[in-house]
C-alpha atoms as a PDB file:
ATOM      1  CA  UNK A   1     223.711 140.994 219.567  1.00  0.00           C
ATOM      2  CA  UNK A   2     224.568 140.840 215.863  1.00  0.00           C
ATOM      3  CA  UNK A   3     224.145 137.362 214.402  1.00  0.00           C
ATOM      4  CA  UNK A   4     225.623 136.154 211.075  1.00  0.00           C
ATOM      5  CA  UNK A   5     223.376 137.143 208.181  1.00  0.00           C
ATOM      6  CA  UNK A   6     221.229 139.396 210.372  1.00  0.00           C
ATOM      7  CA  UNK A   7     221.716 143.132 210.585  1.00  0.00           C
ATOM      8  CA  UNK A   8     219.866 145.809 212.483  1.00  0.00           C
ATOM      9  CA  UNK A   9     221.301 149.324 212.644  1.00  0.00           C
ATOM     10  CA  UNK A  10     222.016 150.624 216.135  1.00  0.00           C
ATOM     11  CA  UNK A  11     222.336 154.394 216.250  1.00  0.00           C
ATOM     12  CA  UNK A  12     224.081 154.267 219.629  1.00  0.00           C
ATOM     13  CA  UNK A  13     227.022 152.254 218.279  1.00  0.00           C
ATOM     14  CA  UNK A  14     229.459 155.175 218.532  1.00  0.00           C
ATOM     15  CA  UNK A  15     227.415 157.577 220.633  1.00  0.00           C
ATOM     16  CA  UNK A  16     229.748 160.113 222.210  1.00  0.00           C
ATOM     17  CA  UNK A  17     232.842 158.854 220.358  1.00  0.00           C
ATOM     18  CA  UNK A  18     233.102 161.294 217.449  1.00  0.00           C
ATOM     19  CA  UNK A  19     235.032 164.001 219.289  1.00  0.00           C
ATOM     20  CA  UNK A  20     237.561 161.451 220.550  1.00  0.00           C
ATOM     21  CA  UNK A  21     238.632 160.187 217.107  1.00  0.00           C
ATOM     22  CA  UNK A  22     240.874 163.084 216.162  1.00  0.00           C
ATOM     23  CA  UNK A  23     242.641 162.869 219.522  1.00  0.00           C
ATOM     24  CA  UNK A  24     242.762 159.145 220.211  1.00  0.00           C
ATOM     25  CA  UNK A  25     243.183 157.559 216.781  1.00  0.00           C
ATOM     26  CA  UNK A  26     246.606 157.661 215.150  1.00  0.00           C
ATOM     27  CA  UNK A  27     246.207 159.456 211.785  1.00  0.00           C
ATOM     28  CA  UNK A  28     246.573 157.540 208.560  1.00  0.00           C
ATOM     29  CA  UNK A  29     250.066 158.172 207.147  1.00  0.00           C
ATOM     30  CA  UNK A  30     250.588 160.042 203.848  1.00  0.00           C
ATOM     31  CA  UNK A  31     252.113 156.830 202.462  1.00  0.00           C
ATOM     32  CA  UNK A  32     248.625 155.307 202.535  1.00  0.00           C
ATOM     33  CA  UNK A  33     247.396 157.922 200.055  1.00  0.00           C
ATOM     34  CA  UNK A  34     250.511 157.357 197.940  1.00  0.00           C
ATOM     35  CA  UNK A  35     249.904 153.591 197.844  1.00  0.00           C
ATOM     36  CA  UNK A  36     246.236 153.922 196.924  1.00  0.00           C
ATOM     37  CA  UNK A  37     246.988 156.564 194.308  1.00  0.00           C
ATOM     38  CA  UNK A  38     249.619 154.362 192.690  1.00  0.00           C
ATOM     39  CA  UNK A  39     247.504 151.183 192.783  1.00  0.00           C
ATOM     40  CA  UNK A  40     244.538 152.889 191.122  1.00  0.00           C
ATOM     41  CA  UNK A  41     246.563 155.223 188.892  1.00  0.00           C
ATOM     42  CA  UNK A  42     244.789 158.265 190.295  1.00  0.00           C
ATOM     43  CA  UNK A  43     245.479 161.509 188.482  1.00  0.00           C
ATOM     44  CA  UNK A  44     243.280 164.097 190.187  1.00  0.00           C
ATOM     45  CA  UNK A  45     240.184 163.288 188.169  1.00  0.00           C
ATOM     46  CA  UNK A  46     236.970 161.510 189.155  1.00  0.00           C
ATOM     47  CA  UNK A  47     235.114 161.425 192.442  1.00  0.00           C
ATOM     48  CA  UNK A  48     235.718 159.614 195.732  1.00  0.00           C
ATOM     49  CA  UNK A  49     233.000 158.129 197.956  1.00  0.00           C
ATOM     50  CA  UNK A  50     234.068 157.227 201.504  1.00  0.00           C
ATOM     51  CA  UNK A  51     231.419 154.996 203.112  1.00  0.00           C
ATOM     52  CA  UNK A  52     231.259 154.924 206.906  1.00  0.00           C
ATOM     53  CA  UNK A  53     233.594 157.901 206.868  1.00  0.00           C
ATOM     54  CA  UNK A  54     233.380 158.613 210.594  1.00  0.00           C
ATOM     55  CA  UNK A  55     234.980 161.998 211.313  1.00  0.00           C
ATOM     56  CA  UNK A  56     236.546 162.072 207.844  1.00  0.00           C
ATOM     57  CA  UNK A  57     240.034 160.783 208.630  1.00  0.00           C
ATOM     58  CA  UNK A  58     240.450 158.832 205.383  1.00  0.00           C
ATOM     59  CA  UNK A  59     238.253 161.166 203.316  1.00  0.00           C
ATOM     60  CA  UNK A  60     240.415 164.180 204.101  1.00  0.00           C
ATOM     61  CA  UNK A  61     243.609 162.249 203.345  1.00  0.00           C
ATOM     62  CA  UNK A  62     242.454 160.986 199.947  1.00  0.00           C
ATOM     63  CA  UNK A  63     240.343 163.921 198.723  1.00  0.00           C
ATOM     64  CA  UNK A  64     243.314 165.742 197.084  1.00  0.00           C
ATOM     65  CA  UNK A  65     243.670 162.769 194.712  1.00  0.00           C
ATOM     66  CA  UNK A  66     240.243 163.490 193.164  1.00  0.00           C
ATOM     67  CA  UNK A  67     238.199 166.310 191.667  1.00  0.00           C
ATOM     68  CA  UNK A  68     235.660 165.984 194.471  1.00  0.00           C
ATOM     69  CA  UNK A  69     234.777 163.683 197.352  1.00  0.00           C
ATOM     70  CA  UNK A  70     231.725 162.619 199.330  1.00  0.00           C
ATOM     71  CA  UNK A  71     231.822 161.226 202.863  1.00  0.00           C
ATOM     72  CA  UNK A  72     228.779 159.406 204.243  1.00  0.00           C
ATOM     73  CA  UNK A  73     228.143 158.078 207.719  1.00  0.00           C
ATOM     74  CA  UNK A  74     225.021 157.030 209.599  1.00  0.00           C
ATOM     75  CA  UNK A  75     226.099 158.822 212.783  1.00  0.00           C
ATOM     76  CA  UNK A  76     225.111 162.498 212.990  1.00  0.00           C
ATOM     77  CA  UNK A  77     227.935 163.404 215.378  1.00  0.00           C
ATOM     78  CA  UNK A  78     230.526 161.816 213.081  1.00  0.00           C
ATOM     79  CA  UNK A  79     229.342 163.925 210.150  1.00  0.00           C
ATOM     80  CA  UNK A  80     229.344 167.029 212.335  1.00  0.00           C
ATOM     81  CA  UNK A  81     232.933 166.309 213.391  1.00  0.00           C
ATOM     82  CA  UNK A  82     233.980 165.598 209.802  1.00  0.00           C
ATOM     83  CA  UNK A  83     232.506 168.923 208.691  1.00  0.00           C
ATOM     84  CA  UNK A  84     234.345 170.724 211.484  1.00  0.00           C
ATOM     85  CA  UNK A  85     237.672 169.082 210.634  1.00  0.00           C
ATOM     86  CA  UNK A  86     237.252 169.829 206.931  1.00  0.00           C
ATOM     87  CA  UNK A  87     236.580 173.498 207.646  1.00  0.00           C
ATOM     88  CA  UNK A  88     239.807 173.708 209.665  1.00  0.00           C
ATOM     89  CA  UNK A  89     241.787 172.373 206.701  1.00  0.00           C
ATOM     90  CA  UNK A  90     239.814 174.534 204.248  1.00  0.00           C
ATOM     91  CA  UNK A  91     238.792 171.444 202.276  1.00  0.00           C
ATOM     92  CA  UNK A  92     235.898 172.803 200.224  1.00  0.00           C
ATOM     93  CA  UNK A  93     235.581 170.026 197.618  1.00  0.00           C
ATOM     94  CA  UNK A  94     234.073 167.478 200.036  1.00  0.00           C
ATOM     95  CA  UNK A  95     230.351 166.902 200.583  1.00  0.00           C
ATOM     96  CA  UNK A  96     229.291 165.318 203.878  1.00  0.00           C
ATOM     97  CA  UNK A  97     226.060 163.354 204.160  1.00  0.00           C
ATOM     98  CA  UNK A  98     224.424 161.624 207.119  1.00  0.00           C
ATOM     99  CA  UNK A  99     223.396 158.447 205.361  1.00  0.00           C
ATOM    100  CA  UNK A 100     223.326 154.725 206.049  1.00  0.00           C
ATOM    101  CA  UNK A 101     225.342 152.653 203.607  1.00  0.00           C
ATOM    102  CA  UNK A 102     222.264 150.482 203.093  1.00  0.00           C
ATOM    103  CA  UNK A 103     220.455 153.524 201.654  1.00  0.00           C
ATOM    104  CA  UNK A 104     222.927 153.950 198.804  1.00  0.00           C
ATOM    105  CA  UNK A 105     222.974 154.973 195.997  1.00  0.00           C
ATOM    106  CA  UNK A 106     220.698 157.775 197.223  1.00  0.00           C
ATOM    107  CA  UNK A 107     221.285 160.639 194.772  1.00  0.00           C
ATOM    108  CA  UNK A 108     225.058 160.587 194.887  1.00  0.00           C
ATOM    109  CA  UNK A 109     225.860 159.572 191.307  1.00  0.00           C
ATOM    110  CA  UNK A 110     228.888 157.675 190.001  1.00  0.00           C
ATOM    111  CA  UNK A 111     232.390 157.423 191.466  1.00  0.00           C
ATOM    112  CA  UNK A 112     235.878 156.461 190.417  1.00  0.00           C
ATOM    113  CA  UNK A 113     236.748 155.001 193.828  1.00  0.00           C
ATOM    114  CA  UNK A 114     234.674 153.943 196.827  1.00  0.00           C
ATOM    115  CA  UNK A 115     236.508 153.429 200.125  1.00  0.00           C
ATOM    116  CA  UNK A 116     235.681 151.680 203.375  1.00  0.00           C
ATOM    117  CA  UNK A 117     237.932 151.988 206.432  1.00  0.00           C
ATOM    118  CA  UNK A 118     237.172 150.072 209.624  1.00  0.00           C
ATOM    119  CA  UNK A 119     233.474 150.245 208.742  1.00  0.00           C
ATOM    120  CA  UNK A 120     232.279 147.508 206.357  1.00  0.00           C
ATOM    121  CA  UNK A 121     231.803 144.908 209.113  1.00  0.00           C
ATOM    122  CA  UNK A 122     229.045 147.081 210.640  1.00  0.00           C
ATOM    123  CA  UNK A 123     226.923 146.979 207.479  1.00  0.00           C
ATOM    124  CA  UNK A 124     224.581 144.641 205.622  1.00  0.00           C
ATOM    125  CA  UNK A 125     227.602 143.631 203.598  1.00  0.00           C
ATOM    126  CA  UNK A 126     226.120 141.884 200.576  1.00  0.00           C
ATOM    127  CA  UNK A 127     223.460 144.550 200.080  1.00  0.00           C
ATOM    128  CA  UNK A 128     226.009 147.362 200.339  1.00  0.00           C
ATOM    129  CA  UNK A 129     228.525 145.613 198.074  1.00  0.00           C
ATOM    130  CA  UNK A 130     225.944 145.142 195.337  1.00  0.00           C
ATOM    131  CA  UNK A 131     224.764 148.742 195.523  1.00  0.00           C
ATOM    132  CA  UNK A 132     228.260 150.179 195.560  1.00  0.00           C
ATOM    133  CA  UNK A 133     229.283 148.073 192.552  1.00  0.00           C
ATOM    134  CA  UNK A 134     226.623 149.837 190.495  1.00  0.00           C
ATOM    135  CA  UNK A 135     228.031 153.216 191.572  1.00  0.00           C
ATOM    136  CA  UNK A 136     231.540 152.564 190.234  1.00  0.00           C
ATOM    137  CA  UNK A 137     232.429 153.854 186.799  1.00  0.00           C
ATOM    138  CA  UNK A 138     234.587 152.033 184.208  1.00  0.00           C
ATOM    139  CA  UNK A 139     238.023 151.336 185.620  1.00  0.00           C
ATOM    140  CA  UNK A 140     236.822 152.181 189.112  1.00  0.00           C
ATOM    141  CA  UNK A 141     237.740 150.385 192.294  1.00  0.00           C
ATOM    142  CA  UNK A 142     236.511 149.449 195.759  1.00  0.00           C
ATOM    143  CA  UNK A 143     239.192 150.050 198.396  1.00  0.00           C
ATOM    144  CA  UNK A 144     238.956 148.510 201.862  1.00  0.00           C
ATOM    145  CA  UNK A 145     241.462 149.844 204.378  1.00  0.00           C
ATOM    146  CA  UNK A 146     242.042 147.412 207.233  1.00  0.00           C
ATOM    147  CA  UNK A 147     243.721 149.241 210.097  1.00  0.00           C
ATOM    148  CA  UNK A 148     243.943 149.385 213.869  1.00  0.00           C
ATOM    149  CA  UNK A 149     244.639 153.018 214.697  1.00  0.00           C
ATOM    150  CA  UNK A 150     243.710 153.279 218.372  1.00  0.00           C
ATOM    151  CA  UNK A 151     246.623 151.132 219.578  1.00  0.00           C
ATOM    152  CA  UNK A 152     249.973 149.937 218.364  1.00  0.00           C
ATOM    153  CA  UNK A 153     251.840 146.650 218.177  1.00  0.00           C
ATOM    154  CA  UNK A 154     252.493 144.702 221.353  1.00  0.00           C
ATOM    155  CA  UNK A 155     256.129 143.911 222.124  1.00  0.00           C
ATOM    156  CA  UNK A 156     258.944 144.162 224.622  1.00  0.00           C
ATOM    157  CA  UNK A 157     261.542 146.025 222.547  1.00  0.00           C
ATOM    158  CA  UNK A 158     262.847 149.248 224.058  1.00  0.00           C
ATOM    159  CA  UNK A 159     260.924 152.401 223.153  1.00  0.00           C
ATOM    160  CA  UNK A 160     261.453 156.029 224.261  1.00  0.00           C
ATOM    161  CA  UNK A 161     258.542 155.769 226.710  1.00  0.00           C
ATOM    162  CA  UNK A 162     256.510 152.900 228.195  1.00  0.00           C
ATOM    163  CA  UNK A 163     253.867 151.270 226.035  1.00  0.00           C
ATOM    164  CA  UNK A 164     250.277 151.976 227.084  1.00  0.00           C
ATOM    165  CA  UNK A 165     249.146 149.188 229.441  1.00  0.00           C
ATOM    166  CA  UNK A 166     246.460 147.916 227.058  1.00  0.00           C
ATOM    167  CA  UNK A 167     245.886 144.634 228.863  1.00  0.00           C
ATOM    168  CA  UNK A 168     245.178 146.492 232.101  1.00  0.00           C
ATOM    169  CA  UNK A 169     243.025 149.020 230.222  1.00  0.00           C
ATOM    170  CA  UNK A 170     240.968 146.175 228.739  1.00  0.00           C
ATOM    171  CA  UNK A 171     240.580 144.651 232.203  1.00  0.00           C
ATOM    172  CA  UNK A 172     239.430 148.002 233.599  1.00  0.00           C
ATOM    173  CA  UNK A 173     236.838 148.378 230.837  1.00  0.00           C
ATOM    174  CA  UNK A 174     235.668 144.827 231.552  1.00  0.00           C
ATOM    175  CA  UNK A 175     235.316 145.561 235.255  1.00  0.00           C
ATOM    176  CA  UNK A 176     232.804 148.293 234.372  1.00  0.00           C
ATOM    177  CA  UNK A 177     231.067 146.830 231.316  1.00  0.00           C
ATOM    178  CA  UNK A 178     231.451 143.086 231.807  1.00  0.00           C
ATOM    179  CA  UNK A 179     233.653 140.489 230.082  1.00  0.00           C
ATOM    180  CA  UNK A 180     231.686 140.317 226.798  1.00  0.00           C
ATOM    181  CA  UNK A 181     232.502 142.934 224.178  1.00  0.00           C
ATOM    182  CA  UNK A 182     229.808 145.606 224.031  1.00  0.00           C
ATOM    183  CA  UNK A 183     228.502 147.235 220.853  1.00  0.00           C
ATOM    184  CA  UNK A 184     225.732 149.829 221.088  1.00  0.00           C
ATOM    185  CA  UNK A 185     222.749 148.249 222.817  1.00  0.00           C
ATOM    186  CA  UNK A 186     224.034 144.736 222.154  1.00  0.00           C
ATOM    187  CA  UNK A 187     227.196 142.678 222.408  1.00  0.00           C
ATOM    188  CA  UNK A 188     229.671 140.839 220.188  1.00  0.00           C
ATOM    189  CA  UNK A 189     230.851 137.726 222.046  1.00  0.00           C
ATOM    190  CA  UNK A 190     232.539 136.375 218.889  1.00  0.00           C
ATOM    191  CA  UNK A 191     233.761 139.712 217.539  1.00  0.00           C
ATOM    192  CA  UNK A 192     232.775 141.318 214.237  1.00  0.00           C
ATOM    193  CA  UNK A 193     231.888 139.312 211.140  1.00  0.00           C
ATOM    194  CA  UNK A 194     234.384 137.755 208.737  1.00  0.00           C
ATOM    195  CA  UNK A 195     233.908 136.279 205.250  1.00  0.00           C
ATOM    196  CA  UNK A 196     234.342 139.514 203.303  1.00  0.00           C
ATOM    197  CA  UNK A 197     236.053 137.874 200.313  1.00  0.00           C
ATOM    198  CA  UNK A 198     233.140 135.508 199.689  1.00  0.00           C
ATOM    199  CA  UNK A 199     230.691 138.402 199.907  1.00  0.00           C
ATOM    200  CA  UNK A 200     232.648 140.511 197.434  1.00  0.00           C
ATOM    201  CA  UNK A 201     232.782 137.711 194.873  1.00  0.00           C
ATOM    202  CA  UNK A 202     229.090 137.033 195.356  1.00  0.00           C
ATOM    203  CA  UNK A 203     228.426 140.734 194.646  1.00  0.00           C
ATOM    204  CA  UNK A 204     230.311 140.465 191.339  1.00  0.00           C
ATOM    205  CA  UNK A 205     233.701 141.969 192.197  1.00  0.00           C
ATOM    206  CA  UNK A 206     237.004 140.560 190.933  1.00  0.00           C
ATOM    207  CA  UNK A 207     240.393 140.492 192.585  1.00  0.00           C
ATOM    208  CA  UNK A 208     241.581 141.407 195.062  1.00  0.00           C
ATOM    209  CA  UNK A 209     244.891 143.226 194.915  1.00  0.00           C
ATOM    210  CA  UNK A 210     246.524 143.504 198.346  1.00  0.00           C
ATOM    211  CA  UNK A 211     248.924 146.205 199.529  1.00  0.00           C
ATOM    212  CA  UNK A 212     250.762 146.569 202.845  1.00  0.00           C
ATOM    213  CA  UNK A 213     251.509 150.084 204.082  1.00  0.00           C
ATOM    214  CA  UNK A 214     253.963 151.278 206.729  1.00  0.00           C
ATOM    215  CA  UNK A 215     254.300 149.542 210.068  1.00  0.00           C
ATOM    216  CA  UNK A 216     257.089 149.973 212.586  1.00  0.00           C
ATOM    217  CA  UNK A 217     256.954 153.764 212.949  1.00  0.00           C
ATOM    218  CA  UNK A 218     257.222 154.813 216.605  1.00  0.00           C
ATOM    219  CA  UNK A 219     254.474 157.173 217.773  1.00  0.00           C
ATOM    220  CA  UNK A 220     254.668 159.311 220.926  1.00  0.00           C
ATOM    221  CA  UNK A 221     251.324 159.580 222.754  1.00  0.00           C
ATOM    222  CA  UNK A 222     250.034 161.291 225.901  1.00  0.00           C
ATOM    223  CA  UNK A 223     247.459 160.355 228.528  1.00  0.00           C
ATOM    224  CA  UNK A 224     244.699 162.399 226.866  1.00  0.00           C
ATOM    225  CA  UNK A 225     245.328 160.558 223.605  1.00  0.00           C
ATOM    226  CA  UNK A 226     245.067 157.135 225.230  1.00  0.00           C
ATOM    227  CA  UNK A 227     241.884 158.111 227.082  1.00  0.00           C
ATOM    228  CA  UNK A 228     240.341 159.297 223.815  1.00  0.00           C
ATOM    229  CA  UNK A 229     241.517 156.124 222.077  1.00  0.00           C
ATOM    230  CA  UNK A 230     239.491 154.110 224.590  1.00  0.00           C
ATOM    231  CA  UNK A 231     236.396 156.302 224.156  1.00  0.00           C
ATOM    232  CA  UNK A 232     236.690 156.136 220.350  1.00  0.00           C
ATOM    233  CA  UNK A 233     235.823 152.423 220.382  1.00  0.00           C
ATOM    234  CA  UNK A 234     232.314 151.016 219.994  1.00  0.00           C
ATOM    235  CA  UNK A 235     233.168 148.575 222.804  1.00  0.00           C
ATOM    236  CA  UNK A 236     233.924 151.398 225.263  1.00  0.00           C
ATOM    237  CA  UNK A 237     232.002 154.362 223.842  1.00  0.00           C
ATOM    238  CA  UNK A 238     231.195 156.963 226.508  1.00  0.00           C
ATOM    239  CA  UNK A 239     227.452 156.238 226.638  1.00  0.00           C
ATOM    240  CA  UNK A 240     228.061 152.631 227.712  1.00  0.00           C
ATOM    241  CA  UNK A 241     229.318 153.774 231.129  1.00  0.00           C
ATOM    242  CA  UNK A 242     226.184 155.847 231.841  1.00  0.00           C
ATOM    243  CA  UNK A 243     226.495 157.598 235.227  1.00  0.00           C
ATOM    244  CA  UNK A 244     229.749 155.731 235.946  1.00  0.00           C
ATOM    245  CA  UNK A 245     231.570 157.579 233.153  1.00  0.00           C
ATOM    246  CA  UNK A 246     233.353 160.125 235.412  1.00  0.00           C
ATOM    247  CA  UNK A 247     234.466 157.395 237.802  1.00  0.00           C
ATOM    248  CA  UNK A 248     235.724 155.213 234.964  1.00  0.00           C
ATOM    249  CA  UNK A 249     237.696 158.065 233.431  1.00  0.00           C
ATOM    250  CA  UNK A 250     239.256 158.878 236.812  1.00  0.00           C
ATOM    251  CA  UNK A 251     240.295 155.239 237.235  1.00  0.00           C
ATOM    252  CA  UNK A 252     241.646 155.124 233.689  1.00  0.00           C
ATOM    253  CA  UNK A 253     243.725 158.262 234.131  1.00  0.00           C
ATOM    254  CA  UNK A 254     245.084 156.946 237.428  1.00  0.00           C
ATOM    255  CA  UNK A 255     246.071 153.679 235.741  1.00  0.00           C
ATOM    256  CA  UNK A 256     247.881 155.548 232.968  1.00  0.00           C
ATOM    257  CA  UNK A 257     249.668 157.891 235.376  1.00  0.00           C
ATOM    258  CA  UNK A 258     250.935 154.907 237.358  1.00  0.00           C
ATOM    259  CA  UNK A 259     252.133 153.200 234.160  1.00  0.00           C
ATOM    260  CA  UNK A 260     254.059 156.305 233.040  1.00  0.00           C
ATOM    261  CA  UNK A 261     254.699 159.038 235.649  1.00  0.00           C
ATOM    262  CA  UNK A 262     255.878 161.343 232.841  1.00  0.00           C
ATOM    263  CA  UNK A 263     252.469 161.030 231.199  1.00  0.00           C
ATOM    264  CA  UNK A 264     254.062 159.972 227.902  1.00  0.00           C
ATOM    265  CA  UNK A 265     253.755 156.661 226.059  1.00  0.00           C
ATOM    266  CA  UNK A 266     255.250 155.212 222.896  1.00  0.00           C
ATOM    267  CA  UNK A 267     253.938 152.606 220.448  1.00  0.00           C
ATOM    268  CA  UNK A 268     254.892 151.117 217.119  1.00  0.00           C
ATOM    269  CA  UNK A 269     252.246 151.779 214.493  1.00  0.00           C
ATOM    270  CA  UNK A 270     250.598 148.682 213.049  1.00  0.00           C
ATOM    271  CA  UNK A 271     250.797 147.865 209.359  1.00  0.00           C
ATOM    272  CA  UNK A 272     247.804 148.908 207.271  1.00  0.00           C
ATOM    273  CA  UNK A 273     246.375 146.415 204.792  1.00  0.00           C
ATOM    274  CA  UNK A 274     244.723 147.799 201.656  1.00  0.00           C
ATOM    275  CA  UNK A 275     242.477 145.503 199.637  1.00  0.00           C
ATOM    276  CA  UNK A 276     241.412 146.648 196.162  1.00  0.00           C
ATOM    277  CA  UNK A 277     238.471 145.048 194.328  1.00  0.00           C
ATOM    278  CA  UNK A 278     237.343 145.747 190.775  1.00  0.00           C
ATOM    279  CA  UNK A 279     233.694 145.748 189.625  1.00  0.00           C
END
């Protein structure tokens, strides 16, 4: 279990999840890059550092706004997947490094922008914030992207297809893994940590500037995408099911097929909150 103020890295946190990200997570919209570029007056110069980059979803989106980019993640499989995805898009100006955020600055140098997306809560936050602040050049910025990309907004308005039955999916996961949220070898009964604003001020940052992006766009998704969305989560990563994984996936696919005989689902994308801090 992760207690407030105590952090111990768990390398199994996302074991087996990397390959599911590109399928199960809704991609960040181009408008996110536009909003960040405008807020930070990006002009194609400088370098980007994406910390906790996962399979490179945000790194690949933002890299064209800079001369070069670096994506770091502690998970080997995530870096492997990011490298594979970058090669498919022929993105050659991105360096990928398997590296814990707590080990920064390593030998990475200075950056114009450092980004975190759905990752900062897994880190020793004050330590990382202080180290990253020293890596930002004059006029640079820390950008935290708060997003939920594995599932959309709940509601009862009419969509082209049924919404994924997330409540039933959560109950199914709980029937296999127990009622307390799992995370690697531990659990998170109270969820992930809060208090980011206090930490950032303590580390010497000023701000923040807040931006809201998108929201409301309807996304069409299939059964494979919903299955991968479930397996992309630390709370239902494939390794947690051990030898019950095939049985769980069979039950999950049956549940989804019953919820939508056509095999198609629709969801409204959630708004993305961008928080910009200055060193």
